[in-house]
Amino acid sequence: MMMMMAEVEVNVGESIESALKRFKKKIQKAGILSEIKRRERYEPPSLKRKRKAQAARKRKR
């Protein structure tokens, strides 16, 4: 899976804090943080299937 790099341009007169806030919101929306957390450690295929099945049951309700 190819990921795009998240970018935020700082507008004239905009503080770094507000630009950082926009950046964090953008990467959260893109799912980059959850992908990083998922890849932090190895997940055996059996646990991966269980997690996916549980997510499917949760969505079905």
PDB file of N, CA and C in Angstrom:
ATOM      1  N   MET A   1       0.852  -1.179   0.000  1.00  0.00           N
ATOM      2  CA  MET A   1       0.000   0.000   0.000  1.00  0.00           C
ATOM      3  C   MET A   1       0.893   1.237   0.000  1.00  0.00           C
ATOM      4  N   MET A   2       0.675   2.099  -0.968  1.00  0.00           N
ATOM      5  CA  MET A   2       1.478   3.307  -1.068  1.00  0.00           C
ATOM      6  C   MET A   2       0.772   4.444  -0.340  1.00  0.00           C
ATOM      7  N   MET A   3       1.539   5.138   0.483  1.00  0.00           N
ATOM      8  CA  MET A   3       0.964   6.237   1.259  1.00  0.00           C
ATOM      9  C   MET A   3       1.483   7.560   0.737  1.00  0.00           C
ATOM     10  N   MET A   4       0.630   8.533   0.725  1.00  0.00           N
ATOM     11  CA  MET A   4       1.023   9.882   0.354  1.00  0.00           C
ATOM     12  C   MET A   4       1.537  10.587   1.597  1.00  0.00           C
ATOM     13  N   MET A   5       2.481  11.476   1.406  1.00  0.00           N
ATOM     14  CA  MET A   5       3.004  12.226   2.533  1.00  0.00           C
ATOM     15  C   MET A   5       2.066  13.399   2.809  1.00  0.00           C
ATOM     16  N   ALA A   6       1.723  13.567   4.074  1.00  0.00           N
ATOM     17  CA  ALA A   6       0.829  14.655   4.470  1.00  0.00           C
ATOM     18  C   ALA A   6       1.617  15.963   4.497  1.00  0.00           C
ATOM     19  N   GLU A   7       1.049  16.990   3.901  1.00  0.00           N
ATOM     20  CA  GLU A   7       1.683  18.300   3.870  1.00  0.00           C
ATOM     21  C   GLU A   7       0.688  19.371   4.275  1.00  0.00           C
ATOM     22  N   VAL A   8       1.206  20.381   4.953  1.00  0.00           N
ATOM     23  CA  VAL A   8       0.405  21.536   5.326  1.00  0.00           C
ATOM     24  C   VAL A   8       1.260  22.771   5.091  1.00  0.00           C
ATOM     25  N   GLU A   9       0.744  23.691   4.318  1.00  0.00           N
ATOM     26  CA  GLU A   9       1.465  24.938   4.094  1.00  0.00           C
ATOM     27  C   GLU A   9       1.053  25.946   5.162  1.00  0.00           C
ATOM     28  N   VAL A  10       2.044  26.628   5.721  1.00  0.00           N
ATOM     29  CA  VAL A  10       1.774  27.637   6.738  1.00  0.00           C
ATOM     30  C   VAL A  10       1.392  28.924   6.011  1.00  0.00           C
ATOM     31  N   ASN A  11       0.206  29.419   6.306  1.00  0.00           N
ATOM     32  CA  ASN A  11      -0.277  30.644   5.674  1.00  0.00           C
ATOM     33  C   ASN A  11       0.415  31.865   6.276  1.00  0.00           C
ATOM     34  N   VAL A  12       0.396  32.942   5.541  1.00  0.00           N
ATOM     35  CA  VAL A  12       1.006  34.185   6.020  1.00  0.00           C
ATOM     36  C   VAL A  12       0.274  34.658   7.269  1.00  0.00           C
ATOM     37  N   GLY A  13       1.017  34.919   8.313  1.00  0.00           N
ATOM     38  CA  GLY A  13       0.426  35.393   9.558  1.00  0.00           C
ATOM     39  C   GLY A  13      -0.145  34.288  10.436  1.00  0.00           C
ATOM     40  N   GLU A  14      -0.038  33.040  10.006  1.00  0.00           N
ATOM     41  CA  GLU A  14      -0.577  31.924  10.779  1.00  0.00           C
ATOM     42  C   GLU A  14       0.485  31.432  11.767  1.00  0.00           C
ATOM     43  N   SER A  15       0.068  31.101  12.962  1.00  0.00           N
ATOM     44  CA  SER A  15       1.019  30.614  13.957  1.00  0.00           C
ATOM     45  C   SER A  15       1.388  29.156  13.653  1.00  0.00           C
ATOM     46  N   ILE A  16       2.541  28.767  14.128  1.00  0.00           N
ATOM     47  CA  ILE A  16       2.998  27.396  13.949  1.00  0.00           C
ATOM     48  C   ILE A  16       2.062  26.422  14.672  1.00  0.00           C
ATOM     49  N   GLU A  17       1.535  26.857  15.810  1.00  0.00           N
ATOM     50  CA  GLU A  17       0.636  25.996  16.587  1.00  0.00           C
ATOM     51  C   GLU A  17      -0.616  25.636  15.792  1.00  0.00           C
ATOM     52  N   SER A  18      -1.201  26.618  15.111  1.00  0.00           N
ATOM     53  CA  SER A  18      -2.416  26.331  14.344  1.00  0.00           C
ATOM     54  C   SER A  18      -2.099  25.476  13.115  1.00  0.00           C
ATOM     55  N   ALA A  19      -0.923  25.690  12.518  1.00  0.00           N
ATOM     56  CA  ALA A  19      -0.524  24.856  11.387  1.00  0.00           C
ATOM     57  C   ALA A  19      -0.283  23.422  11.843  1.00  0.00           C
ATOM     58  N   LEU A  20       0.315  23.260  13.009  1.00  0.00           N
ATOM     59  CA  LEU A  20       0.547  21.929  13.566  1.00  0.00           C
ATOM     60  C   LEU A  20      -0.775  21.237  13.881  1.00  0.00           C
ATOM     61  N   LYS A  21      -1.727  22.004  14.366  1.00  0.00           N
ATOM     62  CA  LYS A  21      -3.054  21.462  14.658  1.00  0.00           C
ATOM     63  C   LYS A  21      -3.724  20.958  13.375  1.00  0.00           C
ATOM     64  N   ARG A  22      -3.606  21.739  12.291  1.00  0.00           N
ATOM     65  CA  ARG A  22      -4.164  21.316  11.007  1.00  0.00           C
ATOM     66  C   ARG A  22      -3.465  20.071  10.488  1.00  0.00           C
ATOM     67  N   PHE A  23      -2.135  20.000  10.680  1.00  0.00           N
ATOM     68  CA  PHE A  23      -1.362  18.842  10.247  1.00  0.00           C
ATOM     69  C   PHE A  23      -1.797  17.587  10.989  1.00  0.00           C
ATOM     70  N   LYS A  24      -1.938  17.687  12.299  1.00  0.00           N
ATOM     71  CA  LYS A  24      -2.360  16.538  13.102  1.00  0.00           C
ATOM     72  C   LYS A  24      -3.743  16.051  12.674  1.00  0.00           C
ATOM     73  N   LYS A  25      -4.640  17.000  12.410  1.00  0.00           N
ATOM     74  CA  LYS A  25      -5.991  16.647  11.976  1.00  0.00           C
ATOM     75  C   LYS A  25      -5.946  15.935  10.622  1.00  0.00           C
ATOM     76  N   LYS A  26      -5.063  16.394   9.746  1.00  0.00           N
ATOM     77  CA  LYS A  26      -4.944  15.822   8.409  1.00  0.00           C
ATOM     78  C   LYS A  26      -4.416  14.392   8.456  1.00  0.00           C
ATOM     79  N   ILE A  27      -3.386  14.139   9.273  1.00  0.00           N
ATOM     80  CA  ILE A  27      -2.850  12.781   9.345  1.00  0.00           C
ATOM     81  C   ILE A  27      -3.803  11.842  10.081  1.00  0.00           C
ATOM     82  N   GLN A  28      -4.579  12.375  11.006  1.00  0.00           N
ATOM     83  CA  GLN A  28      -5.586  11.558  11.694  1.00  0.00           C
ATOM     84  C   GLN A  28      -6.669  11.136  10.707  1.00  0.00           C
ATOM     85  N   LYS A  29      -7.099  12.064   9.875  1.00  0.00           N
ATOM     86  CA  LYS A  29      -8.145  11.787   8.893  1.00  0.00           C
ATOM     87  C   LYS A  29      -7.665  10.801   7.832  1.00  0.00           C
ATOM     88  N   ALA A  30      -6.378  10.886   7.477  1.00  0.00           N
ATOM     89  CA  ALA A  30      -5.815   9.995   6.472  1.00  0.00           C
ATOM     90  C   ALA A  30      -5.554   8.595   7.014  1.00  0.00           C
ATOM     91  N   GLY A  31      -5.592   8.441   8.332  1.00  0.00           N
ATOM     92  CA  GLY A  31      -5.380   7.133   8.941  1.00  0.00           C
ATOM     93  C   GLY A  31      -3.918   6.748   9.070  1.00  0.00           C
ATOM     94  N   ILE A  32      -3.036   7.713   8.983  1.00  0.00           N
ATOM     95  CA  ILE A  32      -1.603   7.432   9.046  1.00  0.00           C
ATOM     96  C   ILE A  32      -1.198   6.969  10.439  1.00  0.00           C
ATOM     97  N   LEU A  33      -1.714   7.603  11.471  1.00  0.00           N
ATOM     98  CA  LEU A  33      -1.345   7.223  12.841  1.00  0.00           C
ATOM     99  C   LEU A  33      -1.787   5.802  13.169  1.00  0.00           C
ATOM    100  N   SER A  34      -2.992   5.443  12.778  1.00  0.00           N
ATOM    101  CA  SER A  34      -3.465   4.094  13.075  1.00  0.00           C
ATOM    102  C   SER A  34      -2.657   3.057  12.305  1.00  0.00           C
ATOM    103  N   GLU A  35      -2.233   3.399  11.100  1.00  0.00           N
ATOM    104  CA  GLU A  35      -1.400   2.500  10.300  1.00  0.00           C
ATOM    105  C   GLU A  35      -0.033   2.303  10.958  1.00  0.00           C
ATOM    106  N   ILE A  36       0.540   3.364  11.486  1.00  0.00           N
ATOM    107  CA  ILE A  36       1.838   3.270  12.164  1.00  0.00           C
ATOM    108  C   ILE A  36       1.717   2.399  13.406  1.00  0.00           C
ATOM    109  N   LYS A  37       0.670   2.617  14.184  1.00  0.00           N
ATOM    110  CA  LYS A  37       0.470   1.811  15.391  1.00  0.00           C
ATOM    111  C   LYS A  37       0.265   0.346  15.034  1.00  0.00           C
ATOM    112  N   ARG A  38      -0.440   0.080  13.943  1.00  0.00           N
ATOM    113  CA  ARG A  38      -0.684  -1.298  13.519  1.00  0.00           C
ATOM    114  C   ARG A  38       0.620  -1.977  13.105  1.00  0.00           C
ATOM    115  N   ARG A  39       1.522  -1.248  12.491  1.00  0.00           N
ATOM    116  CA  ARG A  39       2.772  -1.818  12.005  1.00  0.00           C
ATOM    117  C   ARG A  39       3.877  -1.858  13.061  1.00  0.00           C
ATOM    118  N   GLU A  40       3.628  -1.335  14.246  1.00  0.00           N
ATOM    119  CA  GLU A  40       4.663  -1.298  15.275  1.00  0.00           C
ATOM    120  C   GLU A  40       5.167  -2.686  15.652  1.00  0.00           C
ATOM    121  N   ARG A  41       4.289  -3.651  15.684  1.00  0.00           N
ATOM    122  CA  ARG A  41       4.719  -5.002  16.059  1.00  0.00           C
ATOM    123  C   ARG A  41       4.037  -6.016  15.143  1.00  0.00           C
ATOM    124  N   TYR A  42       4.643  -7.187  15.070  1.00  0.00           N
ATOM    125  CA  TYR A  42       4.136  -8.262  14.220  1.00  0.00           C
ATOM    126  C   TYR A  42       2.835  -8.824  14.784  1.00  0.00           C
ATOM    127  N   GLU A  43       1.883  -9.030  13.887  1.00  0.00           N
ATOM    128  CA  GLU A  43       0.606  -9.629  14.272  1.00  0.00           C
ATOM    129  C   GLU A  43       0.440 -10.936  13.488  1.00  0.00           C
ATOM    130  N   PRO A  44       0.385 -12.071  14.192  1.00  0.00           N
ATOM    131  CA  PRO A  44       0.236 -13.353  13.502  1.00  0.00           C
ATOM    132  C   PRO A  44      -1.065 -13.380  12.679  1.00  0.00           C
ATOM    133  N   PRO A  45      -1.047 -14.141  11.589  1.00  0.00           N
ATOM    134  CA  PRO A  45      -2.238 -14.215  10.728  1.00  0.00           C
ATOM    135  C   PRO A  45      -3.505 -14.640  11.466  1.00  0.00           C
ATOM    136  N   SER A  46      -3.376 -15.527  12.458  1.00  0.00           N
ATOM    137  CA  SER A  46      -4.568 -15.974  13.193  1.00  0.00           C
ATOM    138  C   SER A  46      -5.192 -14.812  13.973  1.00  0.00           C
ATOM    139  N   LEU A  47      -4.362 -13.979  14.588  1.00  0.00           N
ATOM    140  CA  LEU A  47      -4.893 -12.824  15.322  1.00  0.00           C
ATOM    141  C   LEU A  47      -5.459 -11.775  14.373  1.00  0.00           C
ATOM    142  N   LYS A  48      -4.848 -11.658  13.208  1.00  0.00           N
ATOM    143  CA  LYS A  48      -5.333 -10.708  12.203  1.00  0.00           C
ATOM    144  C   LYS A  48      -6.744 -11.099  11.751  1.00  0.00           C
ATOM    145  N   ARG A  49      -6.957 -12.419  11.518  1.00  0.00           N
ATOM    146  CA  ARG A  49      -8.292 -12.896  11.120  1.00  0.00           C
ATOM    147  C   ARG A  49      -9.308 -12.646  12.219  1.00  0.00           C
ATOM    148  N   LYS A  50      -8.928 -12.904  13.473  1.00  0.00           N
ATOM    149  CA  LYS A  50      -9.834 -12.677  14.593  1.00  0.00           C
ATOM    150  C   LYS A  50     -10.213 -11.205  14.702  1.00  0.00           C
ATOM    151  N   ARG A  51      -9.219 -10.331  14.537  1.00  0.00           N
ATOM    152  CA  ARG A  51      -9.475  -8.890  14.635  1.00  0.00           C
ATOM    153  C   ARG A  51     -10.413  -8.430  13.522  1.00  0.00           C
ATOM    154  N   LYS A  52     -10.187  -8.922  12.304  1.00  0.00           N
ATOM    155  CA  LYS A  52     -11.040  -8.540  11.176  1.00  0.00           C
ATOM    156  C   LYS A  52     -12.461  -9.063  11.349  1.00  0.00           C
ATOM    157  N   ALA A  53     -12.598 -10.294  11.843  1.00  0.00           N
ATOM    158  CA  ALA A  53     -13.925 -10.864  12.067  1.00  0.00           C
ATOM    159  C   ALA A  53     -14.667 -10.089  13.145  1.00  0.00           C
ATOM    160  N   GLN A  54     -13.951  -9.710  14.192  1.00  0.00           N
ATOM    161  CA  GLN A  54     -14.570  -8.938  15.267  1.00  0.00           C
ATOM    162  C   GLN A  54     -15.016  -7.572  14.756  1.00  0.00           C
ATOM    163  N   ALA A  55     -14.206  -6.931  13.913  1.00  0.00           N
ATOM    164  CA  ALA A  55     -14.572  -5.636  13.342  1.00  0.00           C
ATOM    165  C   ALA A  55     -15.796  -5.773  12.444  1.00  0.00           C
ATOM    166  N   ALA A  56     -15.889  -6.876  11.698  1.00  0.00           N
ATOM    167  CA  ALA A  56     -17.043  -7.098  10.831  1.00  0.00           C
ATOM    168  C   ALA A  56     -18.311  -7.281  11.652  1.00  0.00           C
ATOM    169  N   ARG A  57     -18.197  -8.047  12.762  1.00  0.00           N
ATOM    170  CA  ARG A  57     -19.368  -8.224  13.634  1.00  0.00           C
ATOM    171  C   ARG A  57     -19.786  -6.884  14.243  1.00  0.00           C
ATOM    172  N   LYS A  58     -18.822  -6.080  14.598  1.00  0.00           N
ATOM    173  CA  LYS A  58     -19.110  -4.774  15.202  1.00  0.00           C
ATOM    174  C   LYS A  58     -19.832  -3.862  14.203  1.00  0.00           C
ATOM    175  N   ARG A  59     -19.391  -3.911  12.945  1.00  0.00           N
ATOM    176  CA  ARG A  59     -20.030  -3.075  11.898  1.00  0.00           C
ATOM    177  C   ARG A  59     -21.435  -3.559  11.600  1.00  0.00           C
ATOM    178  N   LYS A  60     -21.648  -4.868  11.686  1.00  0.00           N
ATOM    179  CA  LYS A  60     -22.951  -5.468  11.326  1.00  0.00           C
ATOM    180  C   LYS A  60     -24.052  -5.093  12.305  1.00  0.00           C
ATOM    181  N   ARG A  61     -23.703  -4.811  13.547  1.00  0.00           N
ATOM    182  CA  ARG A  61     -24.708  -4.495  14.573  1.00  0.00           C
ATOM    183  C   ARG A  61     -25.416  -3.218  14.313  1.00  0.00           C
TER     184      ARG A  61
END
